[in-house]
Amino acid sequence: MQDSQEYREKKAFFEKIITLYGRNVVVEILQDKSIVIHKLHLANSNKPDATIKKILSLAKERDIQTLYHEKNALSRISKNAKQDQGVAIDIISKHYLNAKKLKELDSFRLLALDGIHNPQNLGMIIRSCAAGNVDGIILPKKNSAKISPLVVKASAGTLFKLPIYFCDRLEDILNEMQDSDIYALSLDATQSIYTIKESKKSIYVLGNESEGVSKEVASLCNKKLIIPMQREVESLNVAITAALIAFMRA
């Protein structure tokens, strides 16, 4: 029983870890003392240039555990051999949470992302939601952009300020949350986002940049909404749509 409890606690801890990579990104993270760091990873093959020396100095200053790896092992940690530059860092994000925790909440206003593949769009969505009236983002691990240095850059430092609820597939978590109002943003909807009366539990689903909300996910939504537009403009960038929803109740 104790072993089972220890396993759950260990699993919950590692679920909160986000691994990022790239020398400049790692320097920026080490300089931000509000970010909790688990470990720093370096390739043995790194030459001790000015940036590596700075990384080591900052890690020593913050008493961060530093591990050295063969280049191929470092690439397995970063999951991006072409862009990691021999450096990766594990961040403990208190706002990176399992979506199953949503069941514990009495009320929320969320955005759920279905097939958002562009990391810049994801970063801008996070930034708008952090600035606006949104309680968090549901981000599936499958069929979605991963949290990466590009996402961090596009979020302009807001990634670690907003709850991100992760799940394997969006369909699974939406199926478990049918007591909520789940709105699919769709071009074939007739009801405007500005005419609804939100319930205590509201989820807005934004779809793929080119194809919109998938049929599987749409079938789990109980309403379709559209953003009314003028001058025959057909659609908006998904990040702009997220910003409009985020500030509907600002």
Protein backbone atom coordinates (compact mmCIF):
# COMPACT_ATOMS: atom_id res chain seq x y z
CA MET A 1 0.00 0.00 0.00
CA GLN A 2 2.84 2.36 0.88
CA ASP A 3 4.65 1.45 -2.35
CA SER A 4 1.48 2.30 -4.29
CA GLN A 5 1.22 5.67 -2.55
CA GLU A 6 4.90 6.41 -3.23
CA TYR A 7 4.41 5.48 -6.90
CA ARG A 8 1.44 7.86 -7.23
CA GLU A 9 3.36 10.67 -5.59
CA LYS A 10 6.38 10.07 -7.81
CA LYS A 11 4.20 9.94 -10.92
CA ALA A 12 2.42 13.17 -9.92
CA PHE A 13 5.79 14.86 -9.41
CA PHE A 14 7.19 13.87 -12.80
CA GLU A 15 3.95 14.82 -14.56
CA LYS A 16 4.67 18.42 -13.56
CA ILE A 17 8.08 18.42 -15.27
CA ILE A 18 8.46 20.21 -18.59
CA THR A 19 11.75 19.74 -20.45
CA LEU A 20 12.99 22.59 -22.63
CA TYR A 21 16.19 22.92 -24.62
CA GLY A 22 18.50 25.33 -26.42
CA ARG A 23 21.25 27.49 -24.93
CA ASN A 24 19.52 30.88 -25.00
CA VAL A 25 16.28 29.42 -23.64
CA VAL A 26 18.14 27.74 -20.78
CA VAL A 27 19.97 30.98 -19.91
CA GLU A 28 16.64 32.85 -19.77
CA ILE A 29 15.08 30.18 -17.57
CA LEU A 30 18.02 30.10 -15.18
CA GLN A 31 17.85 33.90 -14.89
CA ASP A 32 14.16 33.79 -13.94
CA LYS A 33 14.20 32.85 -10.26
CA SER A 34 10.41 32.48 -10.20
CA ILE A 35 10.79 29.28 -12.24
CA VAL A 36 11.48 26.13 -10.21
CA ILE A 37 14.15 23.97 -11.84
CA HIS A 38 14.61 20.25 -11.25
CA LYS A 39 17.78 19.44 -13.21
CA LEU A 40 20.10 20.83 -15.88
CA HIS A 41 21.38 18.47 -18.58
CA LEU A 42 24.52 19.05 -20.67
CA ALA A 43 26.23 17.04 -23.39
CA ASN A 44 29.79 15.95 -22.66
CA SER A 45 30.78 17.18 -26.10
CA ASN A 46 29.91 20.84 -25.37
CA LYS A 47 32.85 23.19 -25.78
CA PRO A 48 33.22 25.59 -22.83
CA ASP A 49 32.25 28.72 -24.76
CA ALA A 50 30.85 31.89 -23.21
CA THR A 51 27.23 30.66 -23.18
CA ILE A 52 28.05 27.30 -21.60
CA LYS A 53 30.13 29.07 -18.96
CA LYS A 54 27.22 31.39 -18.24
CA ILE A 55 24.83 28.45 -17.95
CA LEU A 56 27.16 26.70 -15.50
CA SER A 57 27.64 29.88 -13.49
CA LEU A 58 23.90 30.50 -13.20
CA ALA A 59 23.27 26.85 -12.27
CA LYS A 60 25.94 27.02 -9.56
CA GLU A 61 24.49 30.28 -8.25
CA ARG A 62 21.06 28.64 -7.92
CA ASP A 63 22.46 25.31 -6.70
CA ILE A 64 20.87 23.41 -9.62
CA GLN A 65 21.86 19.79 -10.07
CA THR A 66 23.79 19.45 -13.33
CA LEU A 67 24.09 16.13 -15.16
CA TYR A 68 26.38 15.32 -18.08
CA HIS A 69 25.41 12.91 -20.87
CA GLU A 70 26.64 11.50 -24.14
CA LYS A 71 25.18 13.48 -27.03
CA ASN A 72 22.69 10.77 -28.04
CA ALA A 73 21.47 10.44 -24.44
CA LEU A 74 21.02 14.22 -24.19
CA SER A 75 18.99 14.12 -27.41
CA ARG A 76 16.68 11.51 -25.90
CA ILE A 77 16.07 13.86 -22.98
CA SER A 78 15.45 16.95 -25.13
CA LYS A 79 13.56 14.98 -27.82
CA ASN A 80 15.01 17.40 -30.36
CA ALA A 81 18.53 16.43 -31.42
CA LYS A 82 18.67 19.06 -34.17
CA GLN A 83 17.91 22.05 -31.95
CA ASP A 84 18.92 21.24 -28.39
CA GLN A 85 22.49 22.60 -28.84
CA GLY A 86 23.67 20.11 -26.24
CA VAL A 87 21.60 21.66 -23.45
CA ALA A 88 18.27 20.75 -21.80
CA ILE A 89 16.56 21.75 -18.58
CA ASP A 90 13.77 20.21 -16.49
CA ILE A 91 11.29 22.70 -15.07
CA ILE A 92 8.81 21.91 -12.31
CA SER A 93 5.64 23.73 -13.31
CA LYS A 94 3.02 23.98 -10.58
CA HIS A 95 0.56 25.01 -13.29
CA TYR A 96 1.06 21.91 -15.50
CA LEU A 97 -1.72 19.64 -14.25
CA ASN A 98 -3.50 16.44 -15.17
CA ALA A 99 -6.88 17.30 -16.73
CA LYS A 100 -8.56 14.81 -14.39
CA LYS A 101 -8.10 17.45 -11.67
CA LEU A 102 -10.83 19.49 -13.37
CA LYS A 103 -13.38 17.17 -11.78
CA GLU A 104 -12.43 18.66 -8.41
CA LEU A 105 -13.40 22.21 -9.47
CA ASP A 106 -16.85 23.69 -8.87
CA SER A 107 -16.53 26.26 -11.64
CA PHE A 108 -14.21 27.17 -14.49
CA ARG A 109 -13.89 28.93 -17.82
CA LEU A 110 -11.53 27.00 -20.08
CA LEU A 111 -10.20 26.79 -23.61
CA ALA A 112 -9.66 23.31 -25.05
CA LEU A 113 -7.36 22.94 -28.05
CA ASP A 114 -8.12 20.36 -30.73
CA GLY A 115 -5.26 19.74 -33.14
CA ILE A 116 -3.40 23.04 -32.74
CA HIS A 117 -0.05 22.21 -34.36
CA ASN A 118 1.60 25.60 -34.78
CA PRO A 119 3.80 26.34 -31.71
CA GLN A 120 3.58 30.10 -32.28
CA ASN A 121 -0.22 29.92 -32.25
CA LEU A 122 -0.08 27.85 -29.05
CA GLY A 123 2.21 30.39 -27.40
CA MET A 124 0.00 33.32 -28.39
CA ILE A 125 -3.10 31.48 -27.16
CA ILE A 126 -1.43 30.92 -23.80
CA ARG A 127 -0.46 34.60 -23.62
CA SER A 128 -4.01 35.81 -24.36
CA CYS A 129 -5.57 33.39 -21.88
CA ALA A 130 -3.09 34.38 -19.17
CA ALA A 131 -3.95 38.04 -19.72
CA GLY A 132 -7.70 37.51 -20.06
CA ASN A 133 -10.54 35.90 -18.18
CA VAL A 134 -9.68 32.22 -18.65
CA ASP A 135 -8.97 29.74 -15.86
CA GLY A 136 -6.83 27.39 -17.91
CA ILE A 137 -6.19 25.55 -21.17
CA ILE A 138 -6.82 21.87 -21.88
CA LEU A 139 -3.92 20.69 -24.04
CA PRO A 140 -3.83 17.10 -25.33
CA LYS A 141 -0.48 15.39 -25.71
CA LYS A 142 -1.54 13.68 -28.94
CA ASN A 143 -2.28 15.58 -32.15
CA SER A 144 -1.04 18.86 -30.72
CA ALA A 145 1.96 21.15 -30.62
CA LYS A 146 4.28 20.30 -27.74
CA ILE A 147 5.49 22.84 -25.21
CA SER A 148 8.79 23.93 -26.72
CA PRO A 149 11.15 26.93 -26.85
CA LEU A 150 9.05 28.35 -29.70
CA VAL A 151 5.95 28.17 -27.51
CA VAL A 152 7.82 29.79 -24.62
CA LYS A 153 8.98 32.62 -26.87
CA ALA A 154 5.54 33.22 -28.40
CA SER A 155 3.93 33.20 -24.94
CA ALA A 156 6.27 36.05 -23.91
CA GLY A 157 6.97 34.56 -20.50
CA THR A 158 3.34 33.75 -19.60
CA LEU A 159 3.58 29.97 -20.04
CA PHE A 160 4.22 29.38 -16.35
CA LYS A 161 1.49 31.74 -15.15
CA LEU A 162 -1.60 29.90 -16.44
CA PRO A 163 -2.84 26.38 -15.60
CA ILE A 164 -2.28 23.98 -18.50
CA TYR A 165 -4.35 20.82 -18.09
CA PHE A 166 -2.82 17.96 -20.05
CA CYS A 167 -4.53 14.79 -21.28
CA ASP A 168 -3.68 12.11 -23.81
CA ARG A 169 -6.66 12.75 -26.08
CA LEU A 170 -9.10 15.63 -25.91
CA GLU A 171 -12.03 13.30 -26.63
CA ASP A 172 -11.36 11.35 -23.44
CA ILE A 173 -11.49 14.31 -21.08
CA LEU A 174 -14.47 15.98 -22.79
CA ASN A 175 -16.37 12.71 -22.56
CA GLU A 176 -15.86 12.82 -18.78
CA MET A 177 -17.02 16.44 -18.52
CA GLN A 178 -20.50 16.27 -20.00
CA ASP A 179 -21.87 18.16 -17.00
CA SER A 180 -20.19 21.26 -18.47
CA ASP A 181 -21.28 23.54 -21.31
CA ILE A 182 -18.88 22.60 -24.10
CA TYR A 183 -18.87 25.05 -27.00
CA ALA A 184 -17.29 24.25 -30.38
CA LEU A 185 -16.18 27.30 -32.36
CA SER A 186 -17.42 26.56 -35.86
CA LEU A 187 -17.95 28.43 -39.13
CA ASP A 188 -21.25 26.62 -39.70
CA ALA A 189 -22.72 27.70 -36.34
CA THR A 190 -25.57 30.19 -36.16
CA GLN A 191 -25.29 31.37 -32.56
CA SER A 192 -22.86 34.19 -31.77
CA ILE A 193 -20.34 33.92 -28.94
CA TYR A 194 -21.73 37.23 -27.67
CA THR A 195 -25.28 35.93 -27.10
CA ILE A 196 -24.68 32.97 -24.79
CA LYS A 197 -25.21 32.88 -21.06
CA GLU A 198 -22.34 30.96 -19.56
CA SER A 199 -22.81 28.31 -16.89
CA LYS A 200 -20.48 27.75 -13.93
CA LYS A 201 -18.55 25.26 -16.05
CA SER A 202 -17.77 26.45 -19.58
CA ILE A 203 -15.32 25.02 -22.10
CA TYR A 204 -14.62 26.61 -25.49
CA VAL A 205 -13.11 24.23 -28.03
CA LEU A 206 -10.85 25.70 -30.71
CA GLY A 207 -9.97 23.55 -33.69
CA ASN A 208 -7.12 22.95 -36.08
CA GLU A 209 -5.73 25.97 -37.94
CA SER A 210 -7.02 24.72 -41.30
CA GLU A 211 -9.76 22.15 -40.61
CA GLY A 212 -11.40 23.41 -37.44
CA VAL A 213 -12.80 21.20 -34.69
CA SER A 214 -12.64 17.50 -35.59
CA LYS A 215 -15.85 15.48 -35.99
CA GLU A 216 -14.96 13.28 -33.01
CA VAL A 217 -14.51 16.26 -30.71
CA ALA A 218 -17.49 18.17 -32.16
CA SER A 219 -19.75 15.24 -31.29
CA LEU A 220 -18.89 15.78 -27.61
CA CYS A 221 -19.76 19.49 -27.69
CA ASN A 222 -23.33 20.51 -26.82
CA LYS A 223 -23.33 23.84 -28.66
CA LYS A 224 -21.74 25.43 -31.71
CA LEU A 225 -20.73 29.08 -31.70
CA ILE A 226 -19.47 31.52 -34.29
CA ILE A 227 -17.71 34.87 -34.14
CA PRO A 228 -19.79 37.23 -36.31
CA MET A 229 -17.64 38.98 -38.91
CA GLN A 230 -18.09 41.83 -41.34
CA ARG A 231 -17.12 42.48 -44.98
CA GLU A 232 -17.26 38.81 -45.98
CA VAL A 233 -14.21 37.88 -43.92
CA GLU A 234 -14.49 34.11 -43.55
CA SER A 235 -12.33 33.26 -40.54
CA LEU A 236 -9.77 34.44 -38.02
CA ASN A 237 -6.43 33.03 -36.90
CA VAL A 238 -7.01 30.61 -34.01
CA ALA A 239 -4.89 32.73 -31.66
CA ILE A 240 -7.05 35.79 -32.42
CA THR A 241 -10.18 33.72 -31.75
CA ALA A 242 -8.70 32.68 -28.39
CA ALA A 243 -8.02 36.31 -27.51
CA LEU A 244 -11.61 37.34 -28.27
CA ILE A 245 -12.97 34.58 -26.03
CA ALA A 246 -10.47 35.39 -23.30
CA PHE A 247 -11.66 38.98 -23.11
CA MET A 248 -15.39 38.41 -23.58
CA ARG A 249 -15.87 38.86 -19.83
CA ALA A 250 -12.82 40.99 -19.06
